PDB file of all heavy atoms in Angstrom:
ATOM      1  N   ALA A   1    -169.103 145.430  84.720  1.00  0.00           N
ATOM      2  CA  ALA A   1    -168.621 144.490  85.630  1.00  0.00           C
ATOM      3  C   ALA A   1    -169.521 143.254  85.688  1.00  0.00           C
ATOM      4  O   ALA A   1    -170.675 143.343  85.265  1.00  0.00           O
ATOM      5  CB  ALA A   1    -168.511 145.167  87.060  1.00  0.00           C
ATOM      6  N   GLY A   2    -168.991 142.170  86.204  1.00  0.00           N
ATOM      7  CA  GLY A   2    -169.837 140.966  86.322  1.00  0.00           C
ATOM      8  C   GLY A   2    -169.636 140.039  85.140  1.00  0.00           C
ATOM      9  O   GLY A   2    -168.779 140.251  84.250  1.00  0.00           O
ATOM     10  N   ASP A   3    -170.395 138.997  85.128  1.00  0.00           N
ATOM     11  CA  ASP A   3    -170.291 137.943  84.103  1.00  0.00           C
ATOM     12  C   ASP A   3    -171.621 137.923  83.338  1.00  0.00           C
ATOM     13  O   ASP A   3    -172.478 137.110  83.598  1.00  0.00           O
ATOM     14  CB  ASP A   3    -169.982 136.596  84.779  1.00  0.00           C
ATOM     15  CG  ASP A   3    -169.840 135.470  83.754  1.00  0.00           C
ATOM     16  OD1 ASP A   3    -169.730 135.763  82.562  1.00  0.00           O
ATOM     17  OD2 ASP A   3    -169.882 134.309  84.177  1.00  0.00           O
ATOM     18  N   GLN A   4    -171.801 138.861  82.400  1.00  0.00           N
ATOM     19  CA  GLN A   4    -173.041 139.028  81.692  1.00  0.00           C
ATOM     20  C   GLN A   4    -173.378 137.869  80.799  1.00  0.00           C
ATOM     21  O   GLN A   4    -174.486 137.521  80.539  1.00  0.00           O
ATOM     22  CB  GLN A   4    -173.059 140.329  80.930  1.00  0.00           C
ATOM     23  CG  GLN A   4    -172.674 141.569  81.691  1.00  0.00           C
ATOM     24  CD  GLN A   4    -173.609 141.838  82.879  1.00  0.00           C
ATOM     25  OE1 GLN A   4    -174.787 141.700  82.749  1.00  0.00           O
ATOM     26  NE2 GLN A   4    -173.064 142.222  83.988  1.00  0.00           N
ATOM     27  N   ASN A   5    -172.308 137.205  80.283  1.00  0.00           N
ATOM     28  CA  ASN A   5    -172.537 136.050  79.339  1.00  0.00           C
ATOM     29  C   ASN A   5    -172.493 134.734  80.053  1.00  0.00           C
ATOM     30  O   ASN A   5    -172.560 133.670  79.444  1.00  0.00           O
ATOM     31  CB  ASN A   5    -171.527 136.097  78.208  1.00  0.00           C
ATOM     32  CG  ASN A   5    -170.062 136.079  78.679  1.00  0.00           C
ATOM     33  OD1 ASN A   5    -169.822 135.856  79.868  1.00  0.00           O
ATOM     34  ND2 ASN A   5    -169.158 136.375  77.776  1.00  0.00           N
ATOM     35  N   HIS A   6    -172.341 134.775  81.406  1.00  0.00           N
ATOM     36  CA  HIS A   6    -172.461 133.547  82.238  1.00  0.00           C
ATOM     37  C   HIS A   6    -171.552 132.414  81.763  1.00  0.00           C
ATOM     38  O   HIS A   6    -171.985 131.257  81.682  1.00  0.00           O
ATOM     39  CB  HIS A   6    -173.919 133.088  82.273  1.00  0.00           C
ATOM     40  CG  HIS A   6    -174.892 134.127  82.626  1.00  0.00           C
ATOM     41  ND1 HIS A   6    -174.999 134.684  83.890  1.00  0.00           N
ATOM     42  CD2 HIS A   6    -175.828 134.808  81.822  1.00  0.00           C
ATOM     43  CE1 HIS A   6    -175.967 135.596  83.922  1.00  0.00           C
ATOM     44  NE2 HIS A   6    -176.487 135.711  82.693  1.00  0.00           N
ATOM     45  N   ASN A   7    -170.316 132.735  81.505  1.00  0.00           N
ATOM     46  CA  ASN A   7    -169.348 131.675  81.163  1.00  0.00           C
ATOM     47  C   ASN A   7    -168.359 131.385  82.229  1.00  0.00           C
ATOM     48  O   ASN A   7    -167.406 130.639  82.019  1.00  0.00           O
ATOM     49  CB  ASN A   7    -168.643 132.052  79.839  1.00  0.00           C
ATOM     50  CG  ASN A   7    -167.748 133.250  79.965  1.00  0.00           C
ATOM     51  OD1 ASN A   7    -167.717 133.902  81.016  1.00  0.00           O
ATOM     52  ND2 ASN A   7    -166.971 133.550  78.896  1.00  0.00           N
ATOM     53  N   GLY A   8    -168.564 131.945  83.392  1.00  0.00           N
ATOM     54  CA  GLY A   8    -167.721 131.670  84.556  1.00  0.00           C
ATOM     55  C   GLY A   8    -166.529 132.586  84.673  1.00  0.00           C
ATOM     56  O   GLY A   8    -165.778 132.494  85.683  1.00  0.00           O
ATOM     57  N   THR A   9    -166.320 133.511  83.747  1.00  0.00           N
ATOM     58  CA  THR A   9    -165.213 134.486  83.795  1.00  0.00           C
ATOM     59  C   THR A   9    -165.769 135.893  83.714  1.00  0.00           C
ATOM     60  O   THR A   9    -166.642 136.131  82.855  1.00  0.00           O
ATOM     61  CB  THR A   9    -164.201 134.286  82.640  1.00  0.00           C
ATOM     62  OG1 THR A   9    -163.703 132.951  82.717  1.00  0.00           O
ATOM     63  CG2 THR A   9    -163.069 135.265  82.731  1.00  0.00           C
ATOM     64  N   SER A  10    -165.296 136.808  84.582  1.00  0.00           N
ATOM     65  CA  SER A  10    -165.834 138.156  84.532  1.00  0.00           C
ATOM     66  C   SER A  10    -165.540 138.750  83.158  1.00  0.00           C
ATOM     67  O   SER A  10    -164.572 138.473  82.507  1.00  0.00           O
ATOM     68  CB  SER A  10    -165.206 139.019  85.608  1.00  0.00           C
ATOM     69  OG  SER A  10    -163.865 139.297  85.285  1.00  0.00           O
ATOM     70  N   ASP A  11    -166.526 139.529  82.653  1.00  0.00           N
ATOM     71  CA  ASP A  11    -166.425 140.084  81.298  1.00  0.00           C
ATOM     72  C   ASP A  11    -165.167 140.969  81.152  1.00  0.00           C
ATOM     73  O   ASP A  11    -164.575 140.952  80.062  1.00  0.00           O
ATOM     74  CB  ASP A  11    -167.678 140.858  80.993  1.00  0.00           C
ATOM     75  CG  ASP A  11    -168.890 140.018  80.773  1.00  0.00           C
ATOM     76  OD1 ASP A  11    -168.701 138.784  80.792  1.00  0.00           O
ATOM     77  OD2 ASP A  11    -169.996 140.531  80.632  1.00  0.00           O
ATOM     78  N   ARG A  12    -164.836 141.693  82.203  1.00  0.00           N
ATOM     79  CA  ARG A  12    -163.651 142.550  82.062  1.00  0.00           C
ATOM     80  C   ARG A  12    -162.350 141.771  81.987  1.00  0.00           C
ATOM     81  O   ARG A  12    -161.433 142.130  81.220  1.00  0.00           O
ATOM     82  CB  ARG A  12    -163.614 143.572  83.233  1.00  0.00           C
ATOM     83  CG  ARG A  12    -164.711 144.617  83.107  1.00  0.00           C
ATOM     84  CD  ARG A  12    -164.739 145.589  84.263  1.00  0.00           C
ATOM     85  NE  ARG A  12    -165.746 146.628  84.058  1.00  0.00           N
ATOM     86  CZ  ARG A  12    -166.057 147.569  84.917  1.00  0.00           C
ATOM     87  NH1 ARG A  12    -165.445 147.565  86.119  1.00  0.00           N
ATOM     88  NH2 ARG A  12    -167.028 148.457  84.640  1.00  0.00           N
ATOM     89  N   LEU A  13    -162.238 140.695  82.735  1.00  0.00           N
ATOM     90  CA  LEU A  13    -161.094 139.850  82.612  1.00  0.00           C
ATOM     91  C   LEU A  13    -161.062 139.170  81.224  1.00  0.00           C
ATOM     92  O   LEU A  13    -160.035 139.049  80.617  1.00  0.00           O
ATOM     93  CB  LEU A  13    -161.054 138.833  83.729  1.00  0.00           C
ATOM     94  CG  LEU A  13    -159.875 137.840  83.691  1.00  0.00           C
ATOM     95  CD1 LEU A  13    -158.546 138.548  83.734  1.00  0.00           C
ATOM     96  CD2 LEU A  13    -160.013 136.817  84.846  1.00  0.00           C
ATOM     97  N   GLU A  14    -162.249 138.789  80.807  1.00  0.00           N
ATOM     98  CA  GLU A  14    -162.345 138.152  79.498  1.00  0.00           C
ATOM     99  C   GLU A  14    -161.936 139.148  78.387  1.00  0.00           C
ATOM    100  O   GLU A  14    -161.297 138.783  77.419  1.00  0.00           O
ATOM    101  CB  GLU A  14    -163.799 137.703  79.280  1.00  0.00           C
ATOM    102  CG  GLU A  14    -164.009 136.805  78.070  1.00  0.00           C
ATOM    103  CD  GLU A  14    -165.374 136.208  77.989  1.00  0.00           C
ATOM    104  OE1 GLU A  14    -166.155 136.321  78.948  1.00  0.00           O
ATOM    105  OE2 GLU A  14    -165.727 135.660  76.897  1.00  0.00           O
ATOM    106  N   TYR A  15    -162.268 140.415  78.576  1.00  0.00           N
ATOM    107  CA  TYR A  15    -161.904 141.433  77.627  1.00  0.00           C
ATOM    108  C   TYR A  15    -160.380 141.536  77.544  1.00  0.00           C
ATOM    109  O   TYR A  15    -159.830 141.655  76.405  1.00  0.00           O
ATOM    110  CB  TYR A  15    -162.486 142.808  78.081  1.00  0.00           C
ATOM    111  CG  TYR A  15    -162.271 143.910  77.078  1.00  0.00           C
ATOM    112  CD1 TYR A  15    -163.178 144.234  76.083  1.00  0.00           C
ATOM    113  CD2 TYR A  15    -161.081 144.755  77.172  1.00  0.00           C
ATOM    114  CE1 TYR A  15    -162.960 145.281  75.209  1.00  0.00           C
ATOM    115  CE2 TYR A  15    -160.857 145.752  76.317  1.00  0.00           C
ATOM    116  CZ  TYR A  15    -161.799 146.036  75.319  1.00  0.00           C
ATOM    117  OH  TYR A  15    -161.580 147.094  74.445  1.00  0.00           O
ATOM    118  N   VAL A  16    -159.712 141.486  78.673  1.00  0.00           N
ATOM    119  CA  VAL A  16    -158.253 141.472  78.714  1.00  0.00           C
ATOM    120  C   VAL A  16    -157.705 140.255  77.946  1.00  0.00           C
ATOM    121  O   VAL A  16    -156.766 140.336  77.144  1.00  0.00           O
ATOM    122  CB  VAL A  16    -157.678 141.515  80.118  1.00  0.00           C
ATOM    123  CG1 VAL A  16    -156.168 141.350  80.117  1.00  0.00           C
ATOM    124  CG2 VAL A  16    -158.076 142.807  80.829  1.00  0.00           C
ATOM    125  N   HIS A  17    -158.332 139.134  78.158  1.00  0.00           N
ATOM    126  CA  HIS A  17    -157.919 137.865  77.546  1.00  0.00           C
ATOM    127  C   HIS A  17    -158.143 137.841  76.005  1.00  0.00           C
ATOM    128  O   HIS A  17    -157.569 137.026  75.334  1.00  0.00           O
ATOM    129  CB  HIS A  17    -158.608 136.658  78.171  1.00  0.00           C
ATOM    130  CG  HIS A  17    -158.132 136.364  79.583  1.00  0.00           C
ATOM    131  ND1 HIS A  17    -158.757 135.457  80.365  1.00  0.00           N
ATOM    132  CD2 HIS A  17    -157.142 136.902  80.295  1.00  0.00           C
ATOM    133  CE1 HIS A  17    -158.122 135.437  81.562  1.00  0.00           C
ATOM    134  NE2 HIS A  17    -157.144 136.302  81.528  1.00  0.00           N
ATOM    135  N   CYS A  18    -158.989 138.771  75.538  1.00  0.00           N
ATOM    136  CA  CYS A  18    -159.222 138.839  74.086  1.00  0.00           C
ATOM    137  C   CYS A  18    -157.972 139.276  73.358  1.00  0.00           C
ATOM    138  O   CYS A  18    -157.874 139.046  72.138  1.00  0.00           O
ATOM    139  CB  CYS A  18    -160.326 139.789  73.769  1.00  0.00           C
ATOM    140  SG  CYS A  18    -162.010 139.189  74.188  1.00  0.00           S
ATOM    141  N   GLY A  19    -157.064 139.927  74.068  1.00  0.00           N
ATOM    142  CA  GLY A  19    -155.841 140.402  73.390  1.00  0.00           C
ATOM    143  C   GLY A  19    -156.196 141.485  72.374  1.00  0.00           C
ATOM    144  O   GLY A  19    -156.870 142.460  72.663  1.00  0.00           O
ATOM    145  N   ALA A  20    -155.730 141.261  71.137  1.00  0.00           N
ATOM    146  CA  ALA A  20    -156.000 142.243  70.068  1.00  0.00           C
ATOM    147  C   ALA A  20    -157.163 141.830  69.164  1.00  0.00           C
ATOM    148  O   ALA A  20    -157.346 142.385  68.098  1.00  0.00           O
ATOM    149  CB  ALA A  20    -154.735 142.403  69.237  1.00  0.00           C
ATOM    150  N   ASP A  21    -157.972 140.906  69.637  1.00  0.00           N
ATOM    151  CA  ASP A  21    -159.136 140.409  68.869  1.00  0.00           C
ATOM    152  C   ASP A  21    -160.285 141.378  69.050  1.00  0.00           C
ATOM    153  O   ASP A  21    -161.031 141.313  70.027  1.00  0.00           O
ATOM    154  CB  ASP A  21    -159.491 139.016  69.310  1.00  0.00           C
ATOM    155  CG  ASP A  21    -160.567 138.352  68.422  1.00  0.00           C
ATOM    156  OD1 ASP A  21    -161.278 139.111  67.708  1.00  0.00           O
ATOM    157  OD2 ASP A  21    -160.723 137.133  68.480  1.00  0.00           O
ATOM    158  N   ALA A  22    -160.482 142.303  68.089  1.00  0.00           N
ATOM    159  CA  ALA A  22    -161.480 143.368  68.228  1.00  0.00           C
ATOM    160  C   ALA A  22    -162.868 142.808  68.233  1.00  0.00           C
ATOM    161  O   ALA A  22    -163.747 143.316  68.936  1.00  0.00           O
ATOM    162  CB  ALA A  22    -161.332 144.365  67.066  1.00  0.00           C
ATOM    163  N   ALA A  23    -163.120 141.734  67.525  1.00  0.00           N
ATOM    164  CA  ALA A  23    -164.476 141.113  67.487  1.00  0.00           C
ATOM    165  C   ALA A  23    -164.799 140.514  68.864  1.00  0.00           C
ATOM    166  O   ALA A  23    -165.916 140.639  69.352  1.00  0.00           O
ATOM    167  CB  ALA A  23    -164.576 140.058  66.407  1.00  0.00           C
ATOM    168  N   CYS A  24    -163.817 139.878  69.463  1.00  0.00           N
ATOM    169  CA  CYS A  24    -163.976 139.302  70.774  1.00  0.00           C
ATOM    170  C   CYS A  24    -164.264 140.388  71.808  1.00  0.00           C
ATOM    171  O   CYS A  24    -165.136 140.240  72.667  1.00  0.00           O
ATOM    172  CB  CYS A  24    -162.729 138.520  71.188  1.00  0.00           C
ATOM    173  SG  CYS A  24    -162.669 137.953  72.897  1.00  0.00           S
ATOM    174  N   GLN A  25    -163.556 141.484  71.710  1.00  0.00           N
ATOM    175  CA  GLN A  25    -163.764 142.588  72.605  1.00  0.00           C
ATOM    176  C   GLN A  25    -165.124 143.277  72.423  1.00  0.00           C
ATOM    177  O   GLN A  25    -165.795 143.629  73.390  1.00  0.00           O
ATOM    178  CB  GLN A  25    -162.637 143.613  72.460  1.00  0.00           C
ATOM    179  CG  GLN A  25    -161.290 143.068  72.943  1.00  0.00           C
ATOM    180  CD  GLN A  25    -160.129 143.996  72.579  1.00  0.00           C
ATOM    181  OE1 GLN A  25    -160.158 144.655  71.576  1.00  0.00           O
ATOM    182  NE2 GLN A  25    -159.128 144.046  73.462  1.00  0.00           N
ATOM    183  N   ALA A  26    -165.501 143.488  71.149  1.00  0.00           N
ATOM    184  CA  ALA A  26    -166.796 144.134  70.867  1.00  0.00           C
ATOM    185  C   ALA A  26    -167.965 143.347  71.421  1.00  0.00           C
ATOM    186  O   ALA A  26    -168.933 143.886  71.857  1.00  0.00           O
ATOM    187  CB  ALA A  26    -166.909 144.330  69.333  1.00  0.00           C
ATOM    188  N   ALA A  27    -167.821 142.009  71.398  1.00  0.00           N
ATOM    189  CA  ALA A  27    -168.889 141.177  71.873  1.00  0.00           C
ATOM    190  C   ALA A  27    -169.189 141.360  73.322  1.00  0.00           C
ATOM    191  O   ALA A  27    -170.284 141.022  73.809  1.00  0.00           O
ATOM    192  CB  ALA A  27    -168.579 139.688  71.539  1.00  0.00           C
ATOM    193  N   LEU A  28    -168.228 141.917  74.069  1.00  0.00           N
ATOM    194  CA  LEU A  28    -168.367 142.089  75.508  1.00  0.00           C
ATOM    195  C   LEU A  28    -168.922 143.461  75.876  1.00  0.00           C
ATOM    196  O   LEU A  28    -169.205 143.721  77.055  1.00  0.00           O
ATOM    197  CB  LEU A  28    -167.029 141.824  76.205  1.00  0.00           C
ATOM    198  CG  LEU A  28    -166.490 140.408  76.114  1.00  0.00           C
ATOM    199  CD1 LEU A  28    -165.004 140.356  76.504  1.00  0.00           C
ATOM    200  CD2 LEU A  28    -167.313 139.441  76.931  1.00  0.00           C
ATOM    201  N   ARG A  29    -168.991 144.319  74.910  1.00  0.00           N
ATOM    202  CA  ARG A  29    -169.510 145.672  75.179  1.00  0.00           C
ATOM    203  C   ARG A  29    -171.022 145.712  75.028  1.00  0.00           C
ATOM    204  O   ARG A  29    -171.607 144.948  74.234  1.00  0.00           O
ATOM    205  CB  ARG A  29    -168.859 146.659  74.164  1.00  0.00           C
ATOM    206  CG  ARG A  29    -167.381 146.950  74.402  1.00  0.00           C
ATOM    207  CD  ARG A  29    -166.883 147.954  73.439  1.00  0.00           C
ATOM    208  NE  ARG A  29    -165.481 148.295  73.583  1.00  0.00           N
ATOM    209  CZ  ARG A  29    -165.024 149.308  74.289  1.00  0.00           C
ATOM    210  NH1 ARG A  29    -165.834 150.083  74.942  1.00  0.00           N
ATOM    211  NH2 ARG A  29    -163.723 149.569  74.349  1.00  0.00           N
ATOM    212  N   PRO A  30    -171.689 146.567  75.780  1.00  0.00           N
ATOM    213  CA  PRO A  30    -173.166 146.646  75.694  1.00  0.00           C
ATOM    214  C   PRO A  30    -173.699 147.056  74.324  1.00  0.00           C
ATOM    215  O   PRO A  30    -174.785 146.685  73.936  1.00  0.00           O
ATOM    216  CB  PRO A  30    -173.561 147.643  76.775  1.00  0.00           C
ATOM    217  CG  PRO A  30    -172.303 148.414  77.055  1.00  0.00           C
ATOM    218  CD  PRO A  30    -171.184 147.468  76.794  1.00  0.00           C
ATOM    219  N   PHE A  31    -172.918 147.888  73.551  1.00  0.00           N
ATOM    220  CA  PHE A  31    -173.310 148.300  72.274  1.00  0.00           C
ATOM    221  C   PHE A  31    -172.235 147.804  71.254  1.00  0.00           C
ATOM    222  O   PHE A  31    -171.720 148.569  70.466  1.00  0.00           O
ATOM    223  CB  PHE A  31    -173.465 149.778  72.162  1.00  0.00           C
ATOM    224  CG  PHE A  31    -174.467 150.316  73.172  1.00  0.00           C
ATOM    225  CD1 PHE A  31    -174.039 150.931  74.359  1.00  0.00           C
ATOM    226  CD2 PHE A  31    -175.836 150.182  73.011  1.00  0.00           C
ATOM    227  CE1 PHE A  31    -174.902 151.463  75.266  1.00  0.00           C
ATOM    228  CE2 PHE A  31    -176.690 150.642  73.963  1.00  0.00           C
ATOM    229  CZ  PHE A  31    -176.263 151.266  75.083  1.00  0.00           C
ATOM    230  N   GLY A  32    -171.921 146.496  71.367  1.00  0.00           N
ATOM    231  CA  GLY A  32    -170.903 145.936  70.468  1.00  0.00           C
ATOM    232  C   GLY A  32    -171.226 145.944  69.027  1.00  0.00           C
ATOM    233  O   GLY A  32    -170.326 145.759  68.206  1.00  0.00           O
ATOM    234  N   VAL A  33    -172.497 146.218  68.697  1.00  0.00           N
ATOM    235  CA  VAL A  33    -172.856 146.328  67.293  1.00  0.00           C
ATOM    236  C   VAL A  33    -172.105 147.412  66.592  1.00  0.00           C
ATOM    237  O   VAL A  33    -171.922 147.432  65.371  1.00  0.00           O
ATOM    238  CB  VAL A  33    -174.393 146.516  67.166  1.00  0.00           C
ATOM    239  CG1 VAL A  33    -174.810 147.866  67.743  1.00  0.00           C
ATOM    240  CG2 VAL A  33    -174.826 146.371  65.697  1.00  0.00           C
ATOM    241  N   PHE A  34    -171.663 148.444  67.395  1.00  0.00           N
ATOM    242  CA  PHE A  34    -170.854 149.528  66.839  1.00  0.00           C
ATOM    243  C   PHE A  34    -169.361 149.226  66.883  1.00  0.00           C
ATOM    244  O   PHE A  34    -168.568 150.124  66.634  1.00  0.00           O
ATOM    245  CB  PHE A  34    -171.165 150.834  67.609  1.00  0.00           C
ATOM    246  CG  PHE A  34    -172.588 151.304  67.509  1.00  0.00           C
ATOM    247  CD1 PHE A  34    -173.433 151.185  68.585  1.00  0.00           C
ATOM    248  CD2 PHE A  34    -173.082 151.803  66.312  1.00  0.00           C
ATOM    249  CE1 PHE A  34    -174.737 151.609  68.484  1.00  0.00           C
ATOM    250  CE2 PHE A  34    -174.392 152.220  66.209  1.00  0.00           C
ATOM    251  CZ  PHE A  34    -175.204 152.127  67.272  1.00  0.00           C
ATOM    252  N   GLY A  35    -169.013 148.041  67.236  1.00  0.00           N
ATOM    253  CA  GLY A  35    -167.611 147.646  67.237  1.00  0.00           C
ATOM    254  C   GLY A  35    -166.955 147.865  68.590  1.00  0.00           C
ATOM    255  O   GLY A  35    -167.618 148.272  69.571  1.00  0.00           O
ATOM    256  N   ASN A  36    -165.672 147.620  68.656  1.00  0.00           N
ATOM    257  CA  ASN A  36    -164.892 147.772  69.902  1.00  0.00           C
ATOM    258  C   ASN A  36    -164.502 149.229  70.000  1.00  0.00           C
ATOM    259  O   ASN A  36    -163.344 149.601  69.903  1.00  0.00           O
ATOM    260  CB  ASN A  36    -163.679 146.856  69.884  1.00  0.00           C
ATOM    261  CG  ASN A  36    -162.862 146.976  71.128  1.00  0.00           C
ATOM    262  OD1 ASN A  36    -163.390 147.097  72.210  1.00  0.00           O
ATOM    263  ND2 ASN A  36    -161.543 146.941  70.975  1.00  0.00           N
ATOM    264  N   ASN A  37    -165.466 150.077  70.229  1.00  0.00           N
ATOM    265  CA  ASN A  37    -165.252 151.534  70.276  1.00  0.00           C
ATOM    266  C   ASN A  37    -165.903 152.156  71.514  1.00  0.00           C
ATOM    267  O   ASN A  37    -166.918 151.653  71.999  1.00  0.00           O
ATOM    268  CB  ASN A  37    -165.844 152.234  69.007  1.00  0.00           C
ATOM    269  CG  ASN A  37    -165.191 151.703  67.757  1.00  0.00           C
ATOM    270  OD1 ASN A  37    -163.969 151.769  67.562  1.00  0.00           O
ATOM    271  ND2 ASN A  37    -166.022 151.180  66.801  1.00  0.00           N
ATOM    272  N   THR A  38    -165.337 153.281  71.941  1.00  0.00           N
ATOM    273  CA  THR A  38    -165.921 154.050  73.057  1.00  0.00           C
ATOM    274  C   THR A  38    -167.079 154.887  72.492  1.00  0.00           C
ATOM    275  O   THR A  38    -167.009 155.338  71.322  1.00  0.00           O
ATOM    276  CB  THR A  38    -164.923 154.943  73.741  1.00  0.00           C
ATOM    277  OG1 THR A  38    -164.369 155.851  72.770  1.00  0.00           O
ATOM    278  CG2 THR A  38    -163.790 154.144  74.368  1.00  0.00           C
ATOM    279  N   ILE A  39    -168.085 155.069  73.267  1.00  0.00           N
ATOM    280  CA  ILE A  39    -169.211 155.983  72.929  1.00  0.00           C
ATOM    281  C   ILE A  39    -169.272 156.998  74.035  1.00  0.00           C
ATOM    282  O   ILE A  39    -169.696 156.735  75.174  1.00  0.00           O
ATOM    283  CB  ILE A  39    -170.514 155.198  72.808  1.00  0.00           C
ATOM    284  CG1 ILE A  39    -170.431 154.149  71.730  1.00  0.00           C
ATOM    285  CG2 ILE A  39    -171.651 156.194  72.498  1.00  0.00           C
ATOM    286  CD1 ILE A  39    -171.680 153.278  71.585  1.00  0.00           C
ATOM    287  N   ASN A  40    -168.857 158.210  73.685  1.00  0.00           N
ATOM    288  CA  ASN A  40    -168.821 159.298  74.677  1.00  0.00           C
ATOM    289  C   ASN A  40    -170.207 159.801  74.981  1.00  0.00           C
ATOM    290  O   ASN A  40    -171.016 160.058  74.125  1.00  0.00           O
ATOM    291  CB  ASN A  40    -167.933 160.455  74.125  1.00  0.00           C
ATOM    292  CG  ASN A  40    -167.607 161.475  75.176  1.00  0.00           C
ATOM    293  OD1 ASN A  40    -167.786 161.224  76.367  1.00  0.00           O
ATOM    294  ND2 ASN A  40    -167.116 162.612  74.756  1.00  0.00           N
ATOM    295  N   PHE A  41    -170.476 159.947  76.277  1.00  0.00           N
ATOM    296  CA  PHE A  41    -171.776 160.365  76.744  1.00  0.00           C
ATOM    297  C   PHE A  41    -171.618 161.402  77.837  1.00  0.00           C
ATOM    298  O   PHE A  41    -170.710 161.253  78.669  1.00  0.00           O
ATOM    299  CB  PHE A  41    -172.624 159.174  77.250  1.00  0.00           C
ATOM    300  CG  PHE A  41    -174.054 159.477  77.462  1.00  0.00           C
ATOM    301  CD1 PHE A  41    -174.951 159.499  76.438  1.00  0.00           C
ATOM    302  CD2 PHE A  41    -174.548 159.698  78.744  1.00  0.00           C
ATOM    303  CE1 PHE A  41    -176.274 159.731  76.608  1.00  0.00           C
ATOM    304  CE2 PHE A  41    -175.890 159.976  78.964  1.00  0.00           C
ATOM    305  CZ  PHE A  41    -176.785 159.989  77.891  1.00  0.00           C
TER     306      PHE A  41
END
């Protein structure tokens, strides 16, 4: 939650706005280096 990249839009709303752009979505995840994937913990 929040605006970690400080662009004025919450990251989760920005994630929705990414649409099907996996690279855009991965960039918003804390471990985006592993891609737009879930990491089960």
